[in-house]
Amino acid sequence: MSDLPAATLDWLAAHHGVVTSAVLKRHGVRRSTVERLAVRGVLRRASPGVFVEAAVPTSLEQRCAVVCATHPTGFVTGPTAG
């Protein structure tokens, strides 16, 4: 994980291991670095432009964070489909 800056590591810790390409770019992480980390299994593609830190256990909160990152204009209201 030394390929990621401290700001990205802080983001991952605060967002259940979920990060978007836009956040990575804002933190100065190049696309080649993201691809290398994905190939090495450090980051896992959850959806287009959304990555999950592979070391973070999957949880309901993480799945909700992935949905919110994938659909930034949506929101999670509860544990059931509406």
PDB file of N, CA and C in Angstrom:
ATOM      1  N   MET A   1       0.812  -1.193   0.000  1.00  0.00           N
ATOM      2  CA  MET A   1       0.000   0.000   0.000  1.00  0.00           C
ATOM      3  C   MET A   1       0.853   1.253   0.000  1.00  0.00           C
ATOM      4  N   SER A   2       2.158   1.103   0.008  1.00  0.00           N
ATOM      5  CA  SER A   2       3.012   2.287   0.018  1.00  0.00           C
ATOM      6  C   SER A   2       2.888   3.091  -1.273  1.00  0.00           C
ATOM      7  N   ASP A   3       2.231   2.526  -2.295  1.00  0.00           N
ATOM      8  CA  ASP A   3       2.018   3.252  -3.546  1.00  0.00           C
ATOM      9  C   ASP A   3       0.925   4.314  -3.406  1.00  0.00           C
ATOM     10  N   LEU A   4       0.174   4.272  -2.314  1.00  0.00           N
ATOM     11  CA  LEU A   4      -0.898   5.229  -2.111  1.00  0.00           C
ATOM     12  C   LEU A   4      -0.495   6.275  -1.086  1.00  0.00           C
ATOM     13  N   PRO A   5      -0.834   7.542  -1.344  1.00  0.00           N
ATOM     14  CA  PRO A   5      -0.497   8.597  -0.387  1.00  0.00           C
ATOM     15  C   PRO A   5      -1.319   8.481   0.896  1.00  0.00           C
ATOM     16  N   ALA A   6      -0.854   9.143   1.931  1.00  0.00           N
ATOM     17  CA  ALA A   6      -1.525   9.105   3.235  1.00  0.00           C
ATOM     18  C   ALA A   6      -2.973   9.565   3.132  1.00  0.00           C
ATOM     19  N   ALA A   7      -3.247  10.565   2.286  1.00  0.00           N
ATOM     20  CA  ALA A   7      -4.619  11.061   2.136  1.00  0.00           C
ATOM     21  C   ALA A   7      -5.543   9.963   1.620  1.00  0.00           C
ATOM     22  N   THR A   8      -5.061   9.126   0.714  1.00  0.00           N
ATOM     23  CA  THR A   8      -5.872   8.029   0.182  1.00  0.00           C
ATOM     24  C   THR A   8      -6.079   6.956   1.235  1.00  0.00           C
ATOM     25  N   LEU A   9      -5.046   6.649   1.991  1.00  0.00           N
ATOM     26  CA  LEU A   9      -5.181   5.661   3.061  1.00  0.00           C
ATOM     27  C   LEU A   9      -6.176   6.138   4.115  1.00  0.00           C
ATOM     28  N   ASP A  10      -6.135   7.420   4.426  1.00  0.00           N
ATOM     29  CA  ASP A  10      -7.108   7.989   5.364  1.00  0.00           C
ATOM     30  C   ASP A  10      -8.523   7.884   4.795  1.00  0.00           C
ATOM     31  N   TRP A  11      -8.665   8.185   3.501  1.00  0.00           N
ATOM     32  CA  TRP A  11      -9.965   8.093   2.843  1.00  0.00           C
ATOM     33  C   TRP A  11     -10.506   6.662   2.930  1.00  0.00           C
ATOM     34  N   LEU A  12      -9.652   5.684   2.588  1.00  0.00           N
ATOM     35  CA  LEU A  12     -10.074   4.286   2.632  1.00  0.00           C
ATOM     36  C   LEU A  12     -10.525   3.886   4.032  1.00  0.00           C
ATOM     37  N   ALA A  13      -9.799   4.339   5.045  1.00  0.00           N
ATOM     38  CA  ALA A  13     -10.151   4.012   6.429  1.00  0.00           C
ATOM     39  C   ALA A  13     -11.496   4.616   6.816  1.00  0.00           C
ATOM     40  N   ALA A  14     -11.793   5.790   6.307  1.00  0.00           N
ATOM     41  CA  ALA A  14     -13.030   6.485   6.664  1.00  0.00           C
ATOM     42  C   ALA A  14     -14.231   6.068   5.818  1.00  0.00           C
ATOM     43  N   HIS A  15     -13.986   5.358   4.703  1.00  0.00           N
ATOM     44  CA  HIS A  15     -15.067   5.019   3.770  1.00  0.00           C
ATOM     45  C   HIS A  15     -15.159   3.513   3.526  1.00  0.00           C
ATOM     46  N   HIS A  16     -14.889   2.723   4.543  1.00  0.00           N
ATOM     47  CA  HIS A  16     -15.062   1.270   4.494  1.00  0.00           C
ATOM     48  C   HIS A  16     -14.258   0.621   3.376  1.00  0.00           C
ATOM     49  N   GLY A  17     -13.106   1.208   3.024  1.00  0.00           N
ATOM     50  CA  GLY A  17     -12.238   0.634   2.007  1.00  0.00           C
ATOM     51  C   GLY A  17     -12.670   0.911   0.583  1.00  0.00           C
ATOM     52  N   VAL A  18     -13.594   1.850   0.390  1.00  0.00           N
ATOM     53  CA  VAL A  18     -14.132   2.150  -0.940  1.00  0.00           C
ATOM     54  C   VAL A  18     -13.598   3.500  -1.411  1.00  0.00           C
ATOM     55  N   VAL A  19     -13.142   3.544  -2.660  1.00  0.00           N
ATOM     56  CA  VAL A  19     -12.612   4.782  -3.227  1.00  0.00           C
ATOM     57  C   VAL A  19     -12.971   4.847  -4.708  1.00  0.00           C
ATOM     58  N   THR A  20     -13.174   6.054  -5.210  1.00  0.00           N
ATOM     59  CA  THR A  20     -13.485   6.237  -6.629  1.00  0.00           C
ATOM     60  C   THR A  20     -12.247   6.692  -7.390  1.00  0.00           C
ATOM     61  N   SER A  21     -12.320   6.546  -8.701  1.00  0.00           N
ATOM     62  CA  SER A  21     -11.232   7.027  -9.557  1.00  0.00           C
ATOM     63  C   SER A  21     -11.025   8.527  -9.388  1.00  0.00           C
ATOM     64  N   ALA A  22     -12.131   9.256  -9.210  1.00  0.00           N
ATOM     65  CA  ALA A  22     -12.035  10.716  -9.047  1.00  0.00           C
ATOM     66  C   ALA A  22     -11.265  11.073  -7.784  1.00  0.00           C
ATOM     67  N   VAL A  23     -11.507  10.364  -6.693  1.00  0.00           N
ATOM     68  CA  VAL A  23     -10.785  10.633  -5.447  1.00  0.00           C
ATOM     69  C   VAL A  23      -9.314  10.275  -5.618  1.00  0.00           C
ATOM     70  N   LEU A  24      -9.047   9.135  -6.238  1.00  0.00           N
ATOM     71  CA  LEU A  24      -7.654   8.735  -6.469  1.00  0.00           C
ATOM     72  C   LEU A  24      -6.924   9.787  -7.304  1.00  0.00           C
ATOM     73  N   LYS A  25      -7.577  10.273  -8.342  1.00  0.00           N
ATOM     74  CA  LYS A  25      -6.974  11.310  -9.191  1.00  0.00           C
ATOM     75  C   LYS A  25      -6.714  12.580  -8.386  1.00  0.00           C
ATOM     76  N   ARG A  26      -7.688  12.976  -7.562  1.00  0.00           N
ATOM     77  CA  ARG A  26      -7.533  14.173  -6.734  1.00  0.00           C
ATOM     78  C   ARG A  26      -6.365  14.025  -5.756  1.00  0.00           C
ATOM     79  N   HIS A  27      -6.096  12.801  -5.327  1.00  0.00           N
ATOM     80  CA  HIS A  27      -4.977  12.542  -4.414  1.00  0.00           C
ATOM     81  C   HIS A  27      -3.651  12.344  -5.149  1.00  0.00           C
ATOM     82  N   GLY A  28      -3.686  12.476  -6.474  1.00  0.00           N
ATOM     83  CA  GLY A  28      -2.450  12.380  -7.252  1.00  0.00           C
ATOM     84  C   GLY A  28      -2.030  10.964  -7.599  1.00  0.00           C
ATOM     85  N   VAL A  29      -2.948  10.014  -7.497  1.00  0.00           N
ATOM     86  CA  VAL A  29      -2.646   8.618  -7.838  1.00  0.00           C
ATOM     87  C   VAL A  29      -2.900   8.439  -9.324  1.00  0.00           C
ATOM     88  N   ARG A  30      -1.871   8.004 -10.026  1.00  0.00           N
ATOM     89  CA  ARG A  30      -1.978   7.846 -11.475  1.00  0.00           C
ATOM     90  C   ARG A  30      -2.731   6.577 -11.841  1.00  0.00           C
ATOM     91  N   ARG A  31      -3.280   6.578 -13.026  1.00  0.00           N
ATOM     92  CA  ARG A  31      -4.023   5.416 -13.530  1.00  0.00           C
ATOM     93  C   ARG A  31      -3.137   4.168 -13.554  1.00  0.00           C
ATOM     94  N   SER A  32      -1.884   4.319 -13.939  1.00  0.00           N
ATOM     95  CA  SER A  32      -0.978   3.169 -13.984  1.00  0.00           C
ATOM     96  C   SER A  32      -0.779   2.561 -12.594  1.00  0.00           C
ATOM     97  N   THR A  33      -0.764   3.401 -11.576  1.00  0.00           N
ATOM     98  CA  THR A  33      -0.639   2.907 -10.198  1.00  0.00           C
ATOM     99  C   THR A  33      -1.888   2.131  -9.803  1.00  0.00           C
ATOM    100  N   VAL A  34      -3.054   2.658 -10.143  1.00  0.00           N
ATOM    101  CA  VAL A  34      -4.316   1.974  -9.836  1.00  0.00           C
ATOM    102  C   VAL A  34      -4.359   0.620 -10.542  1.00  0.00           C
ATOM    103  N   GLU A  35      -3.982   0.588 -11.805  1.00  0.00           N
ATOM    104  CA  GLU A  35      -3.994  -0.668 -12.558  1.00  0.00           C
ATOM    105  C   GLU A  35      -3.019  -1.673 -11.960  1.00  0.00           C
ATOM    106  N   ARG A  36      -1.840  -1.213 -11.556  1.00  0.00           N
ATOM    107  CA  ARG A  36      -0.851  -2.097 -10.942  1.00  0.00           C
ATOM    108  C   ARG A  36      -1.389  -2.672  -9.626  1.00  0.00           C
ATOM    109  N   LEU A  37      -2.021  -1.821  -8.815  1.00  0.00           N
ATOM    110  CA  LEU A  37      -2.577  -2.293  -7.549  1.00  0.00           C
ATOM    111  C   LEU A  37      -3.737  -3.263  -7.779  1.00  0.00           C
ATOM    112  N   ALA A  38      -4.504  -3.055  -8.843  1.00  0.00           N
ATOM    113  CA  ALA A  38      -5.594  -3.978  -9.176  1.00  0.00           C
ATOM    114  C   ALA A  38      -5.035  -5.327  -9.624  1.00  0.00           C
ATOM    115  N   VAL A  39      -4.005  -5.308 -10.439  1.00  0.00           N
ATOM    116  CA  VAL A  39      -3.382  -6.559 -10.904  1.00  0.00           C
ATOM    117  C   VAL A  39      -2.782  -7.323  -9.727  1.00  0.00           C
ATOM    118  N   ARG A  40      -2.190  -6.618  -8.785  1.00  0.00           N
ATOM    119  CA  ARG A  40      -1.581  -7.259  -7.613  1.00  0.00           C
ATOM    120  C   ARG A  40      -2.606  -7.691  -6.569  1.00  0.00           C
ATOM    121  N   GLY A  41      -3.864  -7.312  -6.762  1.00  0.00           N
ATOM    122  CA  GLY A  41      -4.899  -7.718  -5.835  1.00  0.00           C
ATOM    123  C   GLY A  41      -5.040  -6.831  -4.616  1.00  0.00           C
ATOM    124  N   VAL A  42      -4.397  -5.669  -4.635  1.00  0.00           N
ATOM    125  CA  VAL A  42      -4.518  -4.729  -3.515  1.00  0.00           C
ATOM    126  C   VAL A  42      -5.850  -4.000  -3.596  1.00  0.00           C
ATOM    127  N   LEU A  43      -6.223  -3.588  -4.801  1.00  0.00           N
ATOM    128  CA  LEU A  43      -7.519  -2.961  -5.045  1.00  0.00           C
ATOM    129  C   LEU A  43      -8.341  -3.894  -5.921  1.00  0.00           C
ATOM    130  N   ARG A  44      -9.630  -3.930  -5.675  1.00  0.00           N
ATOM    131  CA  ARG A  44     -10.549  -4.743  -6.466  1.00  0.00           C
ATOM    132  C   ARG A  44     -11.576  -3.814  -7.091  1.00  0.00           C
ATOM    133  N   ARG A  45     -11.838  -3.994  -8.379  1.00  0.00           N
ATOM    134  CA  ARG A  45     -12.859  -3.187  -9.062  1.00  0.00           C
ATOM    135  C   ARG A  45     -14.236  -3.639  -8.592  1.00  0.00           C
ATOM    136  N   ALA A  46     -14.981  -2.727  -8.014  1.00  0.00           N
ATOM    137  CA  ALA A  46     -16.336  -3.031  -7.563  1.00  0.00           C
ATOM    138  C   ALA A  46     -17.351  -2.694  -8.640  1.00  0.00           C
ATOM    139  N   SER A  47     -17.078  -1.646  -9.394  1.00  0.00           N
ATOM    140  CA  SER A  47     -17.893  -1.209 -10.517  1.00  0.00           C
ATOM    141  C   SER A  47     -17.037  -0.219 -11.300  1.00  0.00           C
ATOM    142  N   PRO A  48     -17.482   0.223 -12.467  1.00  0.00           N
ATOM    143  CA  PRO A  48     -16.652   1.159 -13.230  1.00  0.00           C
ATOM    144  C   PRO A  48     -16.316   2.414 -12.412  1.00  0.00           C
ATOM    145  N   GLY A  49     -15.025   2.640 -12.218  1.00  0.00           N
ATOM    146  CA  GLY A  49     -14.573   3.824 -11.499  1.00  0.00           C
ATOM    147  C   GLY A  49     -14.636   3.729  -9.986  1.00  0.00           C
ATOM    148  N   VAL A  50     -14.976   2.545  -9.459  1.00  0.00           N
ATOM    149  CA  VAL A  50     -15.068   2.353  -8.010  1.00  0.00           C
ATOM    150  C   VAL A  50     -14.209   1.158  -7.619  1.00  0.00           C
ATOM    151  N   PHE A  51     -13.381   1.346  -6.605  1.00  0.00           N
ATOM    152  CA  PHE A  51     -12.471   0.304  -6.149  1.00  0.00           C
ATOM    153  C   PHE A  51     -12.661   0.054  -4.664  1.00  0.00           C
ATOM    154  N   VAL A  52     -12.363  -1.183  -4.268  1.00  0.00           N
ATOM    155  CA  VAL A  52     -12.428  -1.581  -2.872  1.00  0.00           C
ATOM    156  C   VAL A  52     -11.056  -2.105  -2.477  1.00  0.00           C
ATOM    157  N   GLU A  53     -10.582  -1.703  -1.311  1.00  0.00           N
ATOM    158  CA  GLU A  53      -9.336  -2.231  -0.782  1.00  0.00           C
ATOM    159  C   GLU A  53      -9.570  -3.699  -0.430  1.00  0.00           C
ATOM    160  N   ALA A  54      -8.813  -4.590  -1.035  1.00  0.00           N
ATOM    161  CA  ALA A  54      -9.045  -6.025  -0.895  1.00  0.00           C
ATOM    162  C   ALA A  54      -8.866  -6.516   0.537  1.00  0.00           C
ATOM    163  N   ALA A  55      -8.068  -5.851   1.338  1.00  0.00           N
ATOM    164  CA  ALA A  55      -7.802  -6.295   2.709  1.00  0.00           C
ATOM    165  C   ALA A  55      -8.947  -5.987   3.664  1.00  0.00           C
ATOM    166  N   VAL A  56      -9.886  -5.150   3.257  1.00  0.00           N
ATOM    167  CA  VAL A  56     -11.002  -4.768   4.117  1.00  0.00           C
ATOM    168  C   VAL A  56     -12.113  -5.814   3.971  1.00  0.00           C
ATOM    169  N   PRO A  57     -12.558  -6.416   5.087  1.00  0.00           N
ATOM    170  CA  PRO A  57     -13.629  -7.409   4.993  1.00  0.00           C
ATOM    171  C   PRO A  57     -14.914  -6.794   4.429  1.00  0.00           C
ATOM    172  N   THR A  58     -15.608  -7.565   3.607  1.00  0.00           N
ATOM    173  CA  THR A  58     -16.877  -7.111   3.051  1.00  0.00           C
ATOM    174  C   THR A  58     -17.915  -6.997   4.166  1.00  0.00           C
ATOM    175  N   SER A  59     -18.662  -5.916   4.138  1.00  0.00           N
ATOM    176  CA  SER A  59     -19.691  -5.681   5.144  1.00  0.00           C
ATOM    177  C   SER A  59     -20.876  -4.990   4.477  1.00  0.00           C
ATOM    178  N   LEU A  60     -21.972  -4.922   5.208  1.00  0.00           N
ATOM    179  CA  LEU A  60     -23.137  -4.192   4.703  1.00  0.00           C
ATOM    180  C   LEU A  60     -22.767  -2.739   4.443  1.00  0.00           C
ATOM    181  N   GLU A  61     -22.003  -2.146   5.354  1.00  0.00           N
ATOM    182  CA  GLU A  61     -21.598  -0.749   5.196  1.00  0.00           C
ATOM    183  C   GLU A  61     -20.749  -0.564   3.944  1.00  0.00           C
ATOM    184  N   GLN A  62     -19.855  -1.509   3.680  1.00  0.00           N
ATOM    185  CA  GLN A  62     -19.018  -1.406   2.487  1.00  0.00           C
ATOM    186  C   GLN A  62     -19.858  -1.534   1.223  1.00  0.00           C
ATOM    187  N   ARG A  63     -20.791  -2.462   1.202  1.00  0.00           N
ATOM    188  CA  ARG A  63     -21.656  -2.614   0.027  1.00  0.00           C
ATOM    189  C   ARG A  63     -22.480  -1.355  -0.201  1.00  0.00           C
ATOM    190  N   CYS A  64     -22.949  -0.732   0.870  1.00  0.00           N
ATOM    191  CA  CYS A  64     -23.686   0.531   0.737  1.00  0.00           C
ATOM    192  C   CYS A  64     -22.779   1.637   0.201  1.00  0.00           C
ATOM    193  N   ALA A  65     -21.541   1.669   0.674  1.00  0.00           N
ATOM    194  CA  ALA A  65     -20.575   2.668   0.189  1.00  0.00           C
ATOM    195  C   ALA A  65     -20.285   2.468  -1.293  1.00  0.00           C
ATOM    196  N   VAL A  66     -20.205   1.226  -1.742  1.00  0.00           N
ATOM    197  CA  VAL A  66     -19.992   0.939  -3.169  1.00  0.00           C
ATOM    198  C   VAL A  66     -21.182   1.435  -3.986  1.00  0.00           C
ATOM    199  N   VAL A  67     -22.386   1.166  -3.527  1.00  0.00           N
ATOM    200  CA  VAL A  67     -23.584   1.624  -4.250  1.00  0.00           C
ATOM    201  C   VAL A  67     -23.601   3.147  -4.321  1.00  0.00           C
ATOM    202  N   CYS A  68     -23.297   3.806  -3.210  1.00  0.00           N
ATOM    203  CA  CYS A  68     -23.285   5.276  -3.195  1.00  0.00           C
ATOM    204  C   CYS A  68     -22.196   5.841  -4.103  1.00  0.00           C
ATOM    205  N   ALA A  69     -21.036   5.180  -4.140  1.00  0.00           N
ATOM    206  CA  ALA A  69     -19.951   5.639  -5.012  1.00  0.00           C
ATOM    207  C   ALA A  69     -20.293   5.410  -6.479  1.00  0.00           C
ATOM    208  N   THR A  70     -20.998   4.319  -6.756  1.00  0.00           N
ATOM    209  CA  THR A  70     -21.378   4.005  -8.131  1.00  0.00           C
ATOM    210  C   THR A  70     -22.487   4.928  -8.631  1.00  0.00           C
ATOM    211  N   HIS A  71     -23.397   5.289  -7.726  1.00  0.00           N
ATOM    212  CA  HIS A  71     -24.542   6.150  -8.065  1.00  0.00           C
ATOM    213  C   HIS A  71     -24.527   7.360  -7.131  1.00  0.00           C
ATOM    214  N   PRO A  72     -23.644   8.343  -7.399  1.00  0.00           N
ATOM    215  CA  PRO A  72     -23.442   9.449  -6.457  1.00  0.00           C
ATOM    216  C   PRO A  72     -24.666  10.334  -6.213  1.00  0.00           C
ATOM    217  N   THR A  73     -25.674  10.277  -7.065  1.00  0.00           N
ATOM    218  CA  THR A  73     -26.863  11.090  -6.814  1.00  0.00           C
ATOM    219  C   THR A  73     -27.921  10.323  -6.022  1.00  0.00           C
ATOM    220  N   GLY A  74     -27.657   9.041  -5.751  1.00  0.00           N
ATOM    221  CA  GLY A  74     -28.582   8.244  -4.965  1.00  0.00           C
ATOM    222  C   GLY A  74     -28.171   8.246  -3.499  1.00  0.00           C
ATOM    223  N   PHE A  75     -28.899   7.490  -2.702  1.00  0.00           N
ATOM    224  CA  PHE A  75     -28.580   7.394  -1.275  1.00  0.00           C
ATOM    225  C   PHE A  75     -29.196   6.112  -0.720  1.00  0.00           C
ATOM    226  N   VAL A  76     -28.683   5.691   0.409  1.00  0.00           N
ATOM    227  CA  VAL A  76     -29.171   4.492   1.088  1.00  0.00           C
ATOM    228  C   VAL A  76     -30.104   4.943   2.197  1.00  0.00           C
ATOM    229  N   THR A  77     -31.306   4.352   2.220  1.00  0.00           N
ATOM    230  CA  THR A  77     -32.283   4.766   3.223  1.00  0.00           C
ATOM    231  C   THR A  77     -32.543   3.702   4.273  1.00  0.00           C
ATOM    232  N   GLY A  78     -32.197   2.472   3.990  1.00  0.00           N
ATOM    233  CA  GLY A  78     -32.455   1.405   4.949  1.00  0.00           C
ATOM    234  C   GLY A  78     -32.020   0.058   4.399  1.00  0.00           C
ATOM    235  N   PRO A  79     -32.245  -1.016   5.171  1.00  0.00           N
ATOM    236  CA  PRO A  79     -31.734  -2.318   4.784  1.00  0.00           C
ATOM    237  C   PRO A  79     -32.583  -3.072   3.761  1.00  0.00           C
ATOM    238  N   THR A  80     -33.720  -2.528   3.338  1.00  0.00           N
ATOM    239  CA  THR A  80     -34.577  -3.231   2.383  1.00  0.00           C
ATOM    240  C   THR A  80     -34.696  -2.441   1.092  1.00  0.00           C
ATOM    241  N   ALA A  81     -35.017  -3.149   0.038  1.00  0.00           N
ATOM    242  CA  ALA A  81     -35.200  -2.490  -1.266  1.00  0.00           C
ATOM    243  C   ALA A  81     -36.494  -1.679  -1.227  1.00  0.00           C
ATOM    244  N   GLY A  82     -36.480  -0.540  -1.912  1.00  0.00           N
ATOM    245  CA  GLY A  82     -37.681   0.285  -1.902  1.00  0.00           C
ATOM    246  C   GLY A  82     -38.204   0.568  -3.272  1.00  0.00           C
TER     247      GLY A  82
END
